[in-house]
C-alpha atoms as a PDB file:
ATOM      1  CA  MET A   1      26.468  28.126  50.764  1.00  0.00           C
ATOM      2  CA  ALA A   2      26.842  30.814  53.351  1.00  0.00           C
ATOM      3  CA  THR A   3      26.622  28.130  56.080  1.00  0.00           C
ATOM      4  CA  GLU A   4      29.363  25.966  54.560  1.00  0.00           C
ATOM      5  CA  PRO A   5      32.961  26.284  55.756  1.00  0.00           C
ATOM      6  CA  ASP A   6      35.189  28.395  53.510  1.00  0.00           C
ATOM      7  CA  ASP A   7      37.338  25.383  52.476  1.00  0.00           C
ATOM      8  CA  ALA A   8      34.224  23.503  51.242  1.00  0.00           C
ATOM      9  CA  ILE A   9      33.034  26.568  49.307  1.00  0.00           C
ATOM     10  CA  LEU A  10      36.510  27.039  47.830  1.00  0.00           C
ATOM     11  CA  ALA A  11      36.629  23.368  46.808  1.00  0.00           C
ATOM     12  CA  LYS A  12      33.271  23.605  45.014  1.00  0.00           C
ATOM     13  CA  ALA A  13      34.307  26.824  43.249  1.00  0.00           C
ATOM     14  CA  VAL A  14      37.663  25.332  42.181  1.00  0.00           C
ATOM     15  CA  ASP A  15      35.915  22.213  40.882  1.00  0.00           C
ATOM     16  CA  ALA A  16      33.427  24.293  38.846  1.00  0.00           C
ATOM     17  CA  TYR A  17      36.188  26.488  37.413  1.00  0.00           C
ATOM     18  CA  THR A  18      38.379  23.443  36.615  1.00  0.00           C
ATOM     19  CA  ARG A  19      35.556  21.941  34.556  1.00  0.00           C
ATOM     20  CA  TYR A  20      34.912  25.288  32.846  1.00  0.00           C
ATOM     21  CA  SER A  21      38.604  25.810  32.068  1.00  0.00           C
ATOM     22  CA  ALA A  22      38.942  22.379  30.466  1.00  0.00           C
ATOM     23  CA  ALA A  23      35.815  22.958  28.374  1.00  0.00           C
ATOM     24  CA  LEU A  24      37.069  26.415  27.330  1.00  0.00           C
ATOM     25  CA  ASP A  25      40.379  24.917  26.202  1.00  0.00           C
ATOM     26  CA  LEU A  26      38.404  22.453  24.072  1.00  0.00           C
ATOM     27  CA  ALA A  27      36.123  25.165  22.651  1.00  0.00           C
ATOM     28  CA  LEU A  28      39.089  27.339  21.662  1.00  0.00           C
ATOM     29  CA  ALA A  29      40.864  24.341  20.117  1.00  0.00           C
ATOM     30  CA  ASN A  30      37.753  23.695  17.973  1.00  0.00           C
ATOM     31  CA  GLY A  31      37.750  27.344  16.942  1.00  0.00           C
ATOM     32  CA  ASP A  32      34.150  27.328  15.775  1.00  0.00           C
ATOM     33  CA  GLY A  33      32.964  30.133  18.088  1.00  0.00           C
ATOM     34  CA  GLU A  34      29.997  28.088  19.281  1.00  0.00           C
ATOM     35  CA  PHE A  35      31.128  27.363  22.848  1.00  0.00           C
ATOM     36  CA  GLU A  36      28.795  24.318  23.044  1.00  0.00           C
ATOM     37  CA  GLU A  37      31.319  22.726  25.372  1.00  0.00           C
ATOM     38  CA  LEU A  38      30.578  25.398  28.015  1.00  0.00           C
ATOM     39  CA  LYS A  39      26.821  24.881  28.227  1.00  0.00           C
ATOM     40  CA  GLY A  40      25.953  23.807  31.766  1.00  0.00           C
ATOM     41  CA  LEU A  41      29.255  25.193  33.045  1.00  0.00           C
ATOM     42  CA  ALA A  42      28.649  28.921  32.539  1.00  0.00           C
ATOM     43  CA  THR A  43      25.608  31.144  32.761  1.00  0.00           C
ATOM     44  CA  PRO A  44      23.743  31.826  29.501  1.00  0.00           C
ATOM     45  CA  SER A  45      24.500  35.562  29.695  1.00  0.00           C
ATOM     46  CA  PHE A  46      28.215  34.933  30.156  1.00  0.00           C
ATOM     47  CA  LEU A  47      28.198  32.528  27.159  1.00  0.00           C
ATOM     48  CA  ARG A  48      26.493  35.155  25.028  1.00  0.00           C
ATOM     49  CA  GLY A  49      29.237  37.625  25.975  1.00  0.00           C
ATOM     50  CA  LEU A  50      31.964  35.118  25.078  1.00  0.00           C
ATOM     51  CA  ALA A  51      30.433  34.476  21.688  1.00  0.00           C
ATOM     52  CA  ALA A  52      30.003  38.198  20.982  1.00  0.00           C
ATOM     53  CA  ASP A  53      33.640  38.957  21.854  1.00  0.00           C
ATOM     54  CA  ASP A  54      35.207  35.874  20.278  1.00  0.00           C
ATOM     55  CA  VAL A  55      38.412  37.122  18.714  1.00  0.00           C
ATOM     56  CA  PHE A  56      39.348  33.507  17.865  1.00  0.00           C
ATOM     57  CA  ALA A  57      36.328  33.000  15.603  1.00  0.00           C
ATOM     58  CA  VAL A  58      36.677  36.452  13.993  1.00  0.00           C
ATOM     59  CA  ASN A  59      40.309  35.744  13.067  1.00  0.00           C
ATOM     60  CA  SER A  60      39.818  32.005  12.279  1.00  0.00           C
ATOM     61  CA  TRP A  61      42.201  31.106  15.121  1.00  0.00           C
ATOM     62  CA  ARG A  62      42.271  28.033  17.285  1.00  0.00           C
ATOM     63  CA  SER A  63      44.408  27.064  20.234  1.00  0.00           C
ATOM     64  CA  ARG A  64      46.674  24.110  20.869  1.00  0.00           C
ATOM     65  CA  GLY A  65      47.561  23.080  24.394  1.00  0.00           C
ATOM     66  CA  SER A  66      45.901  23.456  27.748  1.00  0.00           C
ATOM     67  CA  THR A  67      45.704  26.127  30.421  1.00  0.00           C
ATOM     68  CA  SER A  68      46.046  25.617  34.140  1.00  0.00           C
ATOM     69  CA  PHE A  69      45.521  27.691  37.250  1.00  0.00           C
ATOM     70  CA  ASP A  70      46.753  27.777  40.820  1.00  0.00           C
ATOM     71  CA  SER A  71      46.961  30.068  43.854  1.00  0.00           C
ATOM     72  CA  GLN A  72      43.184  30.056  44.171  1.00  0.00           C
ATOM     73  CA  GLN A  73      41.710  32.227  46.885  1.00  0.00           C
ATOM     74  CA  LEU A  74      38.141  32.757  48.016  1.00  0.00           C
ATOM     75  CA  VAL A  75      37.493  36.504  47.739  1.00  0.00           C
ATOM     76  CA  ASN A  76      33.809  36.712  48.582  1.00  0.00           C
ATOM     77  CA  GLU A  77      30.804  34.474  48.930  1.00  0.00           C
ATOM     78  CA  SER A  78      27.107  34.736  49.514  1.00  0.00           C
ATOM     79  CA  GLU A  79      24.248  32.290  49.282  1.00  0.00           C
ATOM     80  CA  ASN A  80      24.209  32.172  45.482  1.00  0.00           C
ATOM     81  CA  GLN A  81      27.535  33.681  44.413  1.00  0.00           C
ATOM     82  CA  VAL A  82      31.231  33.001  44.932  1.00  0.00           C
ATOM     83  CA  VAL A  83      34.126  35.176  43.818  1.00  0.00           C
ATOM     84  CA  LEU A  84      37.389  33.383  43.334  1.00  0.00           C
ATOM     85  CA  GLN A  85      40.807  34.745  42.417  1.00  0.00           C
ATOM     86  CA  VAL A  86      43.180  32.468  40.553  1.00  0.00           C
ATOM     87  CA  CYS A  87      46.496  32.687  38.756  1.00  0.00           C
ATOM     88  CA  ARG A  88      45.891  31.431  35.240  1.00  0.00           C
ATOM     89  CA  ASP A  89      48.782  29.925  33.286  1.00  0.00           C
ATOM     90  CA  VAL A  90      48.600  29.891  29.458  1.00  0.00           C
ATOM     91  CA  SER A  91      52.284  29.114  28.867  1.00  0.00           C
ATOM     92  CA  ARG A  92      51.465  25.726  27.296  1.00  0.00           C
ATOM     93  CA  VAL A  93      48.967  27.228  24.839  1.00  0.00           C
ATOM     94  CA  ARG A  94      49.800  28.319  21.316  1.00  0.00           C
ATOM     95  CA  VAL A  95      47.431  30.316  19.101  1.00  0.00           C
ATOM     96  CA  LEU A  96      47.254  29.069  15.517  1.00  0.00           C
ATOM     97  CA  ASP A  97      45.778  30.730  12.433  1.00  0.00           C
ATOM     98  CA  ALA A  98      43.709  28.945   9.799  1.00  0.00           C
ATOM     99  CA  GLN A  99      46.881  27.687   8.094  1.00  0.00           C
ATOM    100  CA  GLY A 100      48.308  26.340  11.352  1.00  0.00           C
ATOM    101  CA  THR A 101      50.890  29.097  11.737  1.00  0.00           C
ATOM    102  CA  ASP A 102      51.712  30.058  15.321  1.00  0.00           C
ATOM    103  CA  VAL A 103      50.369  33.595  15.875  1.00  0.00           C
ATOM    104  CA  THR A 104      50.763  33.627  19.670  1.00  0.00           C
ATOM    105  CA  PRO A 105      51.559  37.203  20.717  1.00  0.00           C
ATOM    106  CA  LYS A 106      55.218  37.421  21.765  1.00  0.00           C
ATOM    107  CA  GLU A 107      54.384  39.990  24.445  1.00  0.00           C
ATOM    108  CA  ARG A 108      51.656  37.822  26.037  1.00  0.00           C
ATOM    109  CA  ASP A 109      51.784  37.356  29.780  1.00  0.00           C
ATOM    110  CA  ASP A 110      51.882  33.581  30.385  1.00  0.00           C
ATOM    111  CA  ARG A 111      50.623  33.943  33.970  1.00  0.00           C
ATOM    112  CA  PHE A 112      48.069  36.439  35.148  1.00  0.00           C
ATOM    113  CA  ALA A 113      45.563  36.941  37.932  1.00  0.00           C
ATOM    114  CA  VAL A 114      41.879  36.442  37.138  1.00  0.00           C
ATOM    115  CA  MET A 115      38.824  37.260  39.257  1.00  0.00           C
ATOM    116  CA  VAL A 116      36.149  34.635  38.594  1.00  0.00           C
ATOM    117  CA  THR A 117      32.519  35.074  39.562  1.00  0.00           C
ATOM    118  CA  LEU A 118      30.475  31.895  39.947  1.00  0.00           C
ATOM    119  CA  GLN A 119      26.725  31.862  40.527  1.00  0.00           C
ATOM    120  CA  ARG A 120      23.911  29.394  41.153  1.00  0.00           C
ATOM    121  CA  VAL A 121      20.180  29.893  40.734  1.00  0.00           C
ATOM    122  CA  ASP A 122      19.460  28.284  44.110  1.00  0.00           C
ATOM    123  CA  PRO A 123      21.486  26.661  46.935  1.00  0.00           C
ATOM    124  CA  SER A 124      21.080  23.152  45.492  1.00  0.00           C
ATOM    125  CA  ALA A 125      22.119  24.086  41.946  1.00  0.00           C
ATOM    126  CA  PRO A 126      25.706  23.750  40.676  1.00  0.00           C
ATOM    127  CA  LEU A 127      27.984  26.756  40.492  1.00  0.00           C
ATOM    128  CA  LEU A 128      28.257  28.284  36.987  1.00  0.00           C
ATOM    129  CA  VAL A 129      30.898  30.716  35.762  1.00  0.00           C
ATOM    130  CA  ALA A 130      29.215  34.098  35.411  1.00  0.00           C
ATOM    131  CA  GLY A 131      32.268  36.289  34.894  1.00  0.00           C
ATOM    132  CA  SER A 132      35.996  36.276  34.417  1.00  0.00           C
ATOM    133  CA  GLU A 133      38.031  39.474  34.498  1.00  0.00           C
ATOM    134  CA  PRO A 134      41.716  40.287  34.843  1.00  0.00           C
ATOM    135  CA  SER A 135      42.591  41.158  38.429  1.00  0.00           C
ATOM    136  CA  VAL A 136      44.765  44.254  38.264  1.00  0.00           C
ATOM    137  CA  ASP A 137      45.421  44.315  42.013  1.00  0.00           C
ATOM    138  CA  ALA A 138      47.010  40.872  42.171  1.00  0.00           C
ATOM    139  CA  SER A 139      50.318  39.405  41.077  1.00  0.00           C
ATOM    140  CA  CYS A 140      51.040  35.919  39.841  1.00  0.00           C
ATOM    141  CA  GLU A 141      54.807  36.072  39.877  1.00  0.00           C
ATOM    142  CA  LEU A 142      56.511  32.804  40.665  1.00  0.00           C
END
């Protein structure tokens, strides 16, 4: 990837994260804590971390609605890794408990910056999400 233009690398990273985000929305709507929808879109180690930290499954929650993201920027790239910063929007997502009651935190930030790490095992392999952390140094104010 290091020989590709930045806009091509960014496009591939955005495509991979778009597919991951849609699958994550589906997995959280199912609420089973299995994350089967994310296989092939995220690294196995990242999936294990998601399952271990799944507050939705622990609380029998599920989501309704879909997330989106914008303001994507290429932060760093190397042959087998891309770091992307995005502004994630969860304003159309509600968190529901087992009875279907809305338990969405009232103090939740609906837009926030996220630093996404994507990796591939070799240059011909697809990019997989390997990490997703809040980006404290960025703002997503509209």
